[in-house]
N, C-alpha and C. Protein backbone atom coordinates (compact mmCIF):
# COMPACT_ATOMS: atom_id res chain seq x y z
N UNK A 1 -21.35 21.95 -13.21
CA UNK A 1 -20.12 21.07 -13.25
C UNK A 1 -20.31 20.20 -14.51
N UNK A 2 -20.05 20.75 -15.58
CA UNK A 2 -20.08 19.84 -16.91
C UNK A 2 -18.59 19.21 -16.98
N UNK A 3 -18.54 18.06 -17.23
CA UNK A 3 -17.31 17.33 -17.79
C UNK A 3 -17.60 15.90 -17.96
N UNK A 4 -16.53 15.25 -18.07
CA UNK A 4 -16.69 13.75 -18.21
C UNK A 4 -16.57 12.92 -17.00
N UNK A 5 -16.35 13.55 -15.82
CA UNK A 5 -16.30 12.71 -14.78
C UNK A 5 -16.74 13.40 -13.42
N UNK A 6 -16.67 12.85 -12.38
CA UNK A 6 -16.99 13.41 -11.09
C UNK A 6 -15.78 13.72 -10.25
N UNK A 7 -15.62 15.02 -9.82
CA UNK A 7 -14.40 15.45 -9.10
C UNK A 7 -14.67 15.38 -7.65
N UNK A 8 -13.93 15.07 -6.84
CA UNK A 8 -13.99 15.23 -5.46
C UNK A 8 -12.79 15.96 -4.83
N UNK A 9 -12.75 16.28 -3.58
CA UNK A 9 -11.81 16.87 -2.86
C UNK A 9 -10.58 15.92 -2.57
N UNK A 10 -10.87 14.53 -2.75
CA UNK A 10 -9.81 13.57 -2.57
C UNK A 10 -9.05 13.49 -3.62
N UNK A 11 -9.36 13.96 -4.84
CA UNK A 11 -8.71 14.06 -6.19
C UNK A 11 -9.24 12.78 -6.99
N UNK A 12 -10.30 12.17 -6.55
CA UNK A 12 -10.77 11.02 -7.39
C UNK A 12 -11.58 11.68 -8.52
N UNK A 13 -11.39 10.90 -9.70
CA UNK A 13 -12.08 11.47 -10.88
C UNK A 13 -12.72 10.22 -11.56
N UNK A 14 -13.78 9.93 -10.89
CA UNK A 14 -14.47 8.68 -11.27
C UNK A 14 -15.76 8.92 -12.22
N UNK A 15 -15.79 8.19 -13.26
CA UNK A 15 -17.01 8.55 -14.31
C UNK A 15 -18.22 8.08 -13.56
N UNK A 16 -19.34 8.66 -13.81
CA UNK A 16 -20.55 8.62 -13.36
C UNK A 16 -21.15 7.24 -13.51
N UNK A 17 -20.70 6.50 -14.50
CA UNK A 17 -21.19 5.07 -14.77
C UNK A 17 -20.44 4.02 -13.93
N UNK A 18 -19.53 4.39 -13.19
CA UNK A 18 -18.71 3.48 -12.37
C UNK A 18 -19.35 3.54 -11.00
N UNK A 19 -19.89 2.43 -10.57
CA UNK A 19 -20.77 2.49 -9.23
C UNK A 19 -20.32 1.46 -8.31
N UNK A 20 -19.38 0.37 -8.55
CA UNK A 20 -19.07 -0.63 -7.74
C UNK A 20 -17.59 -0.81 -7.66
N UNK A 21 -17.03 -1.38 -6.76
CA UNK A 21 -15.72 -1.65 -6.51
C UNK A 21 -15.48 -3.19 -5.90
N UNK A 22 -14.46 -3.86 -6.34
CA UNK A 22 -14.18 -5.15 -5.85
C UNK A 22 -12.67 -5.17 -5.42
N UNK A 23 -12.40 -5.54 -4.33
CA UNK A 23 -11.00 -5.69 -3.92
C UNK A 23 -10.80 -7.08 -3.27
N UNK A 24 -10.00 -7.76 -4.12
CA UNK A 24 -9.66 -9.25 -3.60
C UNK A 24 -8.72 -9.17 -2.47
N UNK A 25 -8.61 -10.30 -1.83
CA UNK A 25 -7.74 -10.46 -0.64
C UNK A 25 -6.15 -10.44 -1.26
N UNK A 26 -5.32 -9.58 -0.63
CA UNK A 26 -3.82 -9.41 -1.03
C UNK A 26 -3.06 -10.41 -0.10
N UNK A 27 -2.78 -11.57 -0.69
CA UNK A 27 -2.10 -12.59 0.15
C UNK A 27 -0.54 -12.11 0.34
N UNK A 28 0.12 -12.45 1.40
CA UNK A 28 1.57 -12.05 1.65
C UNK A 28 2.32 -13.17 1.09
N UNK A 29 2.94 -12.85 -0.10
CA UNK A 29 3.78 -13.79 -0.82
C UNK A 29 5.29 -13.61 -0.58
N UNK A 30 5.52 -12.49 0.45
CA UNK A 30 6.81 -12.04 0.81
C UNK A 30 7.52 -13.00 1.69
N UNK A 31 6.73 -13.83 2.39
CA UNK A 31 7.29 -14.75 3.33
C UNK A 31 7.57 -14.12 4.76
N UNK A 32 7.41 -12.96 4.97
CA UNK A 32 7.88 -12.55 6.25
C UNK A 32 6.74 -11.36 6.54
N UNK A 33 6.92 -10.93 7.75
CA UNK A 33 5.88 -9.87 8.35
C UNK A 33 4.93 -10.54 9.32
N UNK A 34 4.17 -9.91 9.91
CA UNK A 34 3.21 -10.23 10.87
C UNK A 34 2.11 -11.14 10.21
N UNK A 35 1.51 -12.13 11.03
CA UNK A 35 0.61 -13.02 10.32
C UNK A 35 -0.64 -12.37 9.73
N UNK A 36 -1.02 -11.21 10.29
CA UNK A 36 -2.12 -10.51 9.77
C UNK A 36 -1.93 -9.57 8.73
N UNK A 37 -0.61 -9.31 8.29
CA UNK A 37 -0.35 -8.29 7.35
C UNK A 37 -1.37 -8.21 6.17
N UNK A 38 -1.69 -9.46 5.56
CA UNK A 38 -2.60 -9.62 4.35
C UNK A 38 -3.94 -8.86 4.68
N UNK A 39 -4.48 -9.42 5.88
CA UNK A 39 -5.71 -8.80 6.25
C UNK A 39 -5.70 -7.21 6.53
N UNK A 40 -4.47 -6.97 7.19
CA UNK A 40 -4.45 -5.59 7.46
C UNK A 40 -4.38 -4.69 6.35
N UNK A 41 -3.71 -5.18 5.17
CA UNK A 41 -3.59 -4.36 4.04
C UNK A 41 -4.81 -4.41 3.24
N UNK A 42 -5.50 -5.51 3.06
CA UNK A 42 -6.65 -5.69 2.32
C UNK A 42 -7.79 -4.77 3.16
N UNK A 43 -8.08 -4.97 4.18
CA UNK A 43 -9.25 -4.13 4.89
C UNK A 43 -8.73 -2.63 4.80
N UNK A 44 -7.51 -2.31 5.15
CA UNK A 44 -7.16 -0.88 5.00
C UNK A 44 -7.47 -0.30 3.71
N UNK A 45 -7.19 -1.16 2.57
CA UNK A 45 -7.32 -0.50 1.23
C UNK A 45 -8.86 -0.33 1.12
N UNK A 46 -9.67 -1.20 1.41
CA UNK A 46 -11.02 -1.15 1.44
C UNK A 46 -11.70 0.07 2.22
N UNK A 47 -10.97 0.14 3.23
CA UNK A 47 -11.52 1.32 4.09
C UNK A 47 -11.26 2.55 3.36
N UNK A 48 -9.99 2.74 2.88
CA UNK A 48 -9.55 3.95 2.23
C UNK A 48 -10.48 4.34 0.99
N UNK A 49 -10.73 3.31 0.25
CA UNK A 49 -11.77 3.58 -0.85
C UNK A 49 -13.19 3.85 -0.34
N UNK A 50 -13.52 3.14 0.77
CA UNK A 50 -14.94 3.47 1.21
C UNK A 50 -14.99 5.00 1.87
N UNK A 51 -13.90 5.39 2.46
CA UNK A 51 -13.83 6.93 2.98
C UNK A 51 -13.63 7.83 2.10
N UNK A 52 -13.22 7.59 0.80
CA UNK A 52 -12.79 8.62 -0.16
C UNK A 52 -13.68 8.45 -1.62
N UNK A 53 -14.43 7.57 -1.58
CA UNK A 53 -15.33 7.51 -2.75
C UNK A 53 -16.79 7.22 -2.31
N UNK A 54 -17.75 7.18 -3.25
CA UNK A 54 -19.04 6.76 -3.04
C UNK A 54 -19.41 5.35 -3.72
N UNK A 55 -18.34 4.62 -3.94
CA UNK A 55 -18.60 3.33 -4.72
C UNK A 55 -19.19 2.37 -3.73
N UNK A 56 -19.79 1.53 -4.05
CA UNK A 56 -20.48 0.38 -3.30
C UNK A 56 -19.50 -0.74 -3.52
N UNK A 57 -19.42 -1.58 -2.49
CA UNK A 57 -18.61 -2.72 -2.60
C UNK A 57 -19.19 -3.96 -3.27
N UNK A 58 -18.70 -4.53 -4.12
CA UNK A 58 -19.06 -5.87 -4.83
C UNK A 58 -18.26 -6.94 -4.31
N UNK A 59 -18.72 -7.77 -3.52
CA UNK A 59 -18.00 -8.93 -2.90
C UNK A 59 -17.84 -10.10 -3.74
N UNK A 60 -18.58 -9.99 -4.97
CA UNK A 60 -18.51 -11.17 -5.85
C UNK A 60 -17.23 -11.07 -6.82
N UNK A 61 -16.32 -10.05 -6.69
CA UNK A 61 -15.25 -9.86 -7.52
C UNK A 61 -15.63 -9.18 -8.91
N UNK A 62 -16.88 -8.82 -9.05
CA UNK A 62 -17.30 -8.36 -10.52
C UNK A 62 -17.55 -6.67 -10.41
N UNK A 63 -17.00 -6.06 -9.66
CA UNK A 63 -17.18 -4.72 -9.48
C UNK A 63 -16.75 -3.89 -10.82
N UNK A 64 -17.18 -2.60 -10.95
CA UNK A 64 -16.74 -1.70 -12.09
C UNK A 64 -15.43 -1.62 -12.07
N UNK A 65 -14.82 -1.39 -10.88
CA UNK A 65 -13.52 -1.20 -10.67
C UNK A 65 -12.88 -2.46 -9.77
N UNK A 66 -11.64 -3.32 -10.23
CA UNK A 66 -11.50 -4.47 -9.71
C UNK A 66 -10.06 -4.33 -9.37
N UNK A 67 -9.60 -4.63 -8.09
CA UNK A 67 -8.22 -4.84 -7.54
C UNK A 67 -7.92 -6.19 -7.04
N UNK A 68 -6.83 -6.67 -7.54
CA UNK A 68 -6.23 -7.93 -6.95
C UNK A 68 -4.59 -7.68 -6.92
N UNK A 69 -3.95 -8.56 -6.17
CA UNK A 69 -2.66 -8.46 -6.21
C UNK A 69 -1.94 -9.33 -4.94
N UNK A 70 -0.90 -8.79 -4.49
CA UNK A 70 -0.32 -9.55 -3.44
C UNK A 70 0.72 -8.64 -2.81
N UNK A 71 1.03 -9.03 -1.56
CA UNK A 71 2.15 -8.32 -0.86
C UNK A 71 3.52 -9.22 -1.31
N UNK A 72 4.50 -8.44 -1.97
CA UNK A 72 5.61 -9.29 -2.62
C UNK A 72 7.09 -8.84 -1.75
N UNK A 73 6.89 -7.97 -0.92
CA UNK A 73 8.20 -7.61 -0.24
C UNK A 73 7.97 -7.10 1.19
N UNK A 74 8.68 -7.50 2.11
CA UNK A 74 8.74 -7.18 3.46
C UNK A 74 10.00 -7.48 4.13
N UNK A 75 10.94 -6.40 4.19
CA UNK A 75 12.22 -6.68 4.52
C UNK A 75 12.78 -5.44 5.30
N UNK A 76 13.91 -5.77 6.14
CA UNK A 76 14.56 -4.77 6.79
C UNK A 76 15.90 -4.80 6.21
N UNK A 77 16.59 -3.63 5.99
CA UNK A 77 17.88 -3.41 5.54
C UNK A 77 18.53 -2.32 6.35
N UNK A 78 19.84 -2.53 6.66
CA UNK A 78 20.62 -1.48 7.21
C UNK A 78 20.91 -0.39 6.30
N UNK A 79 20.66 0.84 6.82
CA UNK A 79 20.78 2.02 5.89
C UNK A 79 21.83 2.94 6.03
N UNK A 80 22.30 3.06 7.37
CA UNK A 80 23.47 3.99 7.53
C UNK A 80 24.30 3.27 8.60
N UNK A 81 25.58 3.00 7.90
CA UNK A 81 26.66 2.19 8.87
C UNK A 81 27.08 3.05 10.00
N UNK A 82 27.21 2.59 11.01
CA UNK A 82 27.84 3.41 12.09
C UNK A 82 29.06 2.65 12.73
N UNK A 83 30.32 3.20 12.89
CA UNK A 83 31.49 2.63 13.36
C UNK A 83 31.32 2.74 14.77
N UNK A 84 31.72 1.39 15.29
CA UNK A 84 31.79 1.23 16.82
C UNK A 84 32.82 2.07 17.36
N UNK A 85 33.86 2.32 16.83
CA UNK A 85 34.98 3.01 17.41
C UNK A 85 35.86 2.02 18.25
N UNK A 86 35.72 0.79 18.34
CA UNK A 86 36.32 -0.05 19.02
C UNK A 86 36.65 -1.23 18.22
N UNK A 87 38.03 -1.65 18.16
CA UNK A 87 38.45 -2.82 17.22
C UNK A 87 37.74 -4.13 17.72
N UNK A 88 37.35 -4.15 18.90
CA UNK A 88 36.78 -5.38 19.41
C UNK A 88 35.26 -5.51 19.21
N UNK A 89 34.72 -4.33 18.88
CA UNK A 89 33.19 -4.39 18.65
C UNK A 89 32.96 -4.27 17.04
N UNK A 90 31.96 -4.94 16.61
CA UNK A 90 31.79 -4.75 15.20
C UNK A 90 30.99 -3.53 14.93
N UNK A 91 31.17 -3.01 13.75
CA UNK A 91 30.39 -1.88 13.37
C UNK A 91 28.90 -2.24 13.32
N UNK A 92 28.02 -1.40 13.27
CA UNK A 92 26.56 -1.76 13.20
C UNK A 92 25.79 -0.62 12.48
N UNK A 93 24.56 -0.87 12.25
CA UNK A 93 23.60 -0.07 11.58
C UNK A 93 23.25 1.22 12.38
N UNK A 94 23.33 2.43 11.90
CA UNK A 94 22.68 3.49 12.84
C UNK A 94 21.37 3.84 12.40
N UNK A 95 20.93 3.10 11.22
CA UNK A 95 19.55 3.26 10.82
C UNK A 95 19.20 2.11 9.98
N UNK A 96 17.91 1.61 10.42
CA UNK A 96 17.34 0.47 9.58
C UNK A 96 16.00 0.95 8.84
N UNK A 97 15.71 0.30 7.78
CA UNK A 97 14.74 0.69 6.75
C UNK A 97 13.88 -0.69 6.79
N UNK A 98 12.55 -0.48 6.96
CA UNK A 98 11.44 -1.43 6.56
C UNK A 98 11.03 -1.01 5.29
N UNK A 99 10.91 -1.95 4.26
CA UNK A 99 10.13 -1.68 3.03
C UNK A 99 9.17 -2.90 2.90
N UNK A 100 8.01 -2.38 2.35
CA UNK A 100 6.92 -3.24 2.01
C UNK A 100 6.47 -2.81 0.54
N UNK A 101 6.46 -3.93 -0.31
CA UNK A 101 6.17 -3.69 -1.56
C UNK A 101 4.84 -4.69 -1.84
N UNK A 102 4.08 -3.99 -2.86
CA UNK A 102 2.94 -4.87 -3.24
C UNK A 102 2.86 -4.71 -4.83
N UNK A 103 2.13 -5.79 -5.38
CA UNK A 103 1.68 -5.87 -6.76
C UNK A 103 0.28 -5.79 -6.93
N UNK A 104 -0.20 -4.83 -7.81
CA UNK A 104 -1.56 -4.56 -7.89
C UNK A 104 -1.98 -4.67 -9.40
N UNK A 105 -3.01 -5.43 -9.56
CA UNK A 105 -3.64 -5.56 -10.89
C UNK A 105 -4.99 -4.64 -10.83
N UNK A 106 -5.08 -3.81 -11.63
CA UNK A 106 -6.35 -2.97 -11.45
C UNK A 106 -7.06 -2.98 -12.95
N UNK A 107 -8.34 -3.40 -12.90
CA UNK A 107 -9.25 -3.40 -14.04
C UNK A 107 -10.37 -2.48 -13.85
N UNK A 108 -10.48 -1.47 -14.73
CA UNK A 108 -11.59 -0.53 -14.95
C UNK A 108 -12.61 -1.24 -16.02
N UNK A 109 -13.65 -1.72 -15.79
CA UNK A 109 -14.46 -2.54 -16.67
C UNK A 109 -15.21 -1.41 -17.61
N UNK A 110 -15.26 -0.25 -17.30
CA UNK A 110 -15.91 0.85 -18.06
C UNK A 110 -15.03 1.49 -18.98
N UNK A 111 -13.70 1.52 -18.74
CA UNK A 111 -12.67 2.09 -19.62
C UNK A 111 -11.18 1.43 -19.42
N UNK A 112 -11.04 0.48 -20.22
CA UNK A 112 -9.82 -0.32 -20.08
C UNK A 112 -8.43 0.41 -20.30
N UNK A 113 -8.48 1.65 -20.56
CA UNK A 113 -7.39 2.51 -20.78
C UNK A 113 -6.76 2.78 -19.56
N UNK A 114 -7.54 2.61 -18.47
CA UNK A 114 -6.94 2.99 -17.11
C UNK A 114 -6.35 1.73 -16.33
N UNK A 115 -6.57 0.62 -16.96
CA UNK A 115 -6.04 -0.70 -16.42
C UNK A 115 -4.46 -0.71 -16.21
N UNK A 116 -4.11 -1.35 -15.27
CA UNK A 116 -2.70 -1.40 -14.97
C UNK A 116 -2.34 -2.65 -14.09
N UNK A 117 -0.95 -3.04 -14.17
CA UNK A 117 -0.49 -4.14 -13.47
C UNK A 117 0.90 -3.51 -12.97
N UNK A 118 0.92 -3.18 -11.62
CA UNK A 118 1.95 -2.04 -11.29
C UNK A 118 2.37 -2.65 -9.81
N UNK A 119 3.73 -2.24 -9.69
CA UNK A 119 4.34 -2.47 -8.35
C UNK A 119 4.51 -1.20 -7.69
N UNK A 120 4.05 -1.26 -6.33
CA UNK A 120 4.19 -0.13 -5.44
C UNK A 120 5.05 -0.52 -4.10
N UNK A 121 5.98 0.36 -3.78
CA UNK A 121 6.58 0.18 -2.42
C UNK A 121 6.87 1.38 -1.69
N UNK A 122 6.95 1.29 -0.42
CA UNK A 122 7.06 2.40 0.40
C UNK A 122 7.96 1.84 1.70
N UNK A 123 8.69 2.81 2.41
CA UNK A 123 9.51 2.52 3.50
C UNK A 123 9.40 3.52 4.58
N UNK A 124 10.02 2.87 5.68
CA UNK A 124 10.06 3.81 6.93
C UNK A 124 11.25 3.44 7.60
N UNK A 125 12.12 4.41 8.15
CA UNK A 125 13.35 4.19 8.76
C UNK A 125 13.10 4.27 10.46
N UNK A 126 14.02 3.62 11.09
CA UNK A 126 14.13 3.80 12.52
C UNK A 126 15.57 3.54 13.02
N UNK A 127 15.84 3.93 14.30
CA UNK A 127 17.04 3.72 14.85
C UNK A 127 17.17 2.44 15.69
N UNK A 128 17.91 1.45 15.27
CA UNK A 128 17.87 0.22 15.89
C UNK A 128 18.71 0.25 17.23
N UNK A 129 19.50 1.39 17.53
CA UNK A 129 20.17 1.59 18.58
C UNK A 129 19.24 2.16 19.92
N UNK A 130 18.28 2.70 19.34
CA UNK A 130 17.31 3.18 20.62
C UNK A 130 15.94 2.54 20.54
N UNK A 131 15.62 1.70 19.52
CA UNK A 131 14.31 1.00 19.45
C UNK A 131 14.60 -0.39 19.06
N UNK A 132 13.65 -1.34 19.49
CA UNK A 132 13.68 -2.67 19.03
C UNK A 132 12.73 -2.83 17.93
N UNK A 133 13.03 -3.79 16.99
CA UNK A 133 12.07 -3.83 15.89
C UNK A 133 10.75 -4.33 16.35
N UNK A 134 10.51 -5.08 17.52
CA UNK A 134 9.27 -5.36 17.95
C UNK A 134 8.50 -4.23 18.53
N UNK A 135 9.20 -3.20 18.94
CA UNK A 135 8.50 -1.94 19.64
C UNK A 135 7.94 -1.08 18.36
N UNK A 136 8.81 -0.85 17.40
CA UNK A 136 8.40 -0.10 16.34
C UNK A 136 7.64 -0.70 15.14
N UNK A 137 7.82 -1.94 15.04
CA UNK A 137 7.19 -2.45 13.71
C UNK A 137 5.64 -2.31 13.55
N UNK A 138 4.88 -2.22 14.61
CA UNK A 138 3.48 -1.93 14.09
C UNK A 138 3.28 -0.55 13.56
N UNK A 139 3.89 0.56 14.09
CA UNK A 139 3.73 1.84 13.75
C UNK A 139 4.44 2.10 12.44
N UNK A 140 5.53 1.44 12.08
CA UNK A 140 6.12 1.46 10.80
C UNK A 140 5.25 0.89 9.74
N UNK A 141 4.74 -0.33 10.07
CA UNK A 141 3.72 -0.99 9.07
C UNK A 141 2.50 -0.14 8.73
N UNK A 142 1.98 0.43 9.87
CA UNK A 142 0.75 1.45 9.59
C UNK A 142 1.11 2.58 8.72
N UNK A 143 2.34 3.19 8.95
CA UNK A 143 2.86 4.45 8.28
C UNK A 143 3.07 4.01 6.79
N UNK A 144 3.61 2.87 6.53
CA UNK A 144 3.87 2.29 5.17
C UNK A 144 2.55 1.97 4.30
N UNK A 145 1.70 1.29 5.00
CA UNK A 145 0.45 0.89 4.34
C UNK A 145 -0.38 2.12 4.06
N UNK A 146 -0.49 3.14 5.02
CA UNK A 146 -1.19 4.35 4.79
C UNK A 146 -0.73 5.14 3.45
N UNK A 147 0.65 4.87 3.20
CA UNK A 147 1.21 5.68 1.95
C UNK A 147 0.80 4.58 0.80
N UNK A 148 0.91 3.34 0.93
CA UNK A 148 0.39 2.55 -0.13
C UNK A 148 -0.92 2.65 -0.57
N UNK A 149 -1.88 2.80 0.41
CA UNK A 149 -3.17 3.10 0.02
C UNK A 149 -3.53 4.37 -0.79
N UNK A 150 -2.76 5.40 -0.47
CA UNK A 150 -2.83 6.52 -1.19
C UNK A 150 -2.16 6.42 -2.59
N UNK A 151 -1.15 5.80 -2.81
CA UNK A 151 -0.46 5.61 -3.96
C UNK A 151 -1.38 4.71 -4.96
N UNK A 152 -2.07 3.81 -4.51
CA UNK A 152 -2.89 2.71 -5.33
C UNK A 152 -4.15 3.63 -5.70
N UNK A 153 -4.76 4.50 -4.70
CA UNK A 153 -5.77 5.33 -4.99
C UNK A 153 -5.48 6.20 -6.07
N UNK A 154 -4.38 6.96 -5.82
CA UNK A 154 -3.95 7.92 -6.98
C UNK A 154 -3.85 7.39 -8.23
N UNK A 155 -3.19 6.21 -8.32
CA UNK A 155 -2.88 5.60 -9.66
C UNK A 155 -4.07 5.01 -10.29
N UNK A 156 -5.12 4.88 -9.54
CA UNK A 156 -6.37 4.14 -10.29
C UNK A 156 -7.37 5.11 -10.47
N UNK A 157 -7.88 5.86 -9.50
CA UNK A 157 -9.06 6.75 -9.48
C UNK A 157 -8.72 8.32 -9.53
N UNK A 158 -7.52 8.62 -9.07
CA UNK A 158 -7.14 10.08 -9.27
C UNK A 158 -6.54 10.19 -10.41
N UNK A 159 -5.96 9.20 -11.15
CA UNK A 159 -5.34 9.46 -12.47
C UNK A 159 -4.04 10.28 -12.32
N UNK A 160 -3.24 10.15 -11.23
CA UNK A 160 -2.16 10.95 -10.98
C UNK A 160 -0.84 10.02 -11.45
């Protein structure tokens, strides 16, 4: 296996001289969402990298790969209007969308051509007529965050 990097089944292409990773706490700057959203995202991102790479964590913030950023969007929007069919009843949303956005600054101390400052967002939809926000929000958040972990991973170490 000759080449300039290490390939794995996760798609990671990490140079052999990269050994450590630092992930700063991602504060929720969106002003909405559950109180533990910052911790949930930060710990989930760490877990994703731990499960998909052999990099050691550097808690001092001086890893070979360094991530920082914040959560900058958490909002619900109606997506599919639905007519009530009654002049006395207002029309409503037949579908609602939760969108979570993050800002990520990535520094590769071994090769700065991979550095980026990028926005990522993902969404999940639900039917507000059959589900309350409080009943579906935890599952929606988990689904969205899982995709954001993949997106950050792919943009940084999978070079996609």
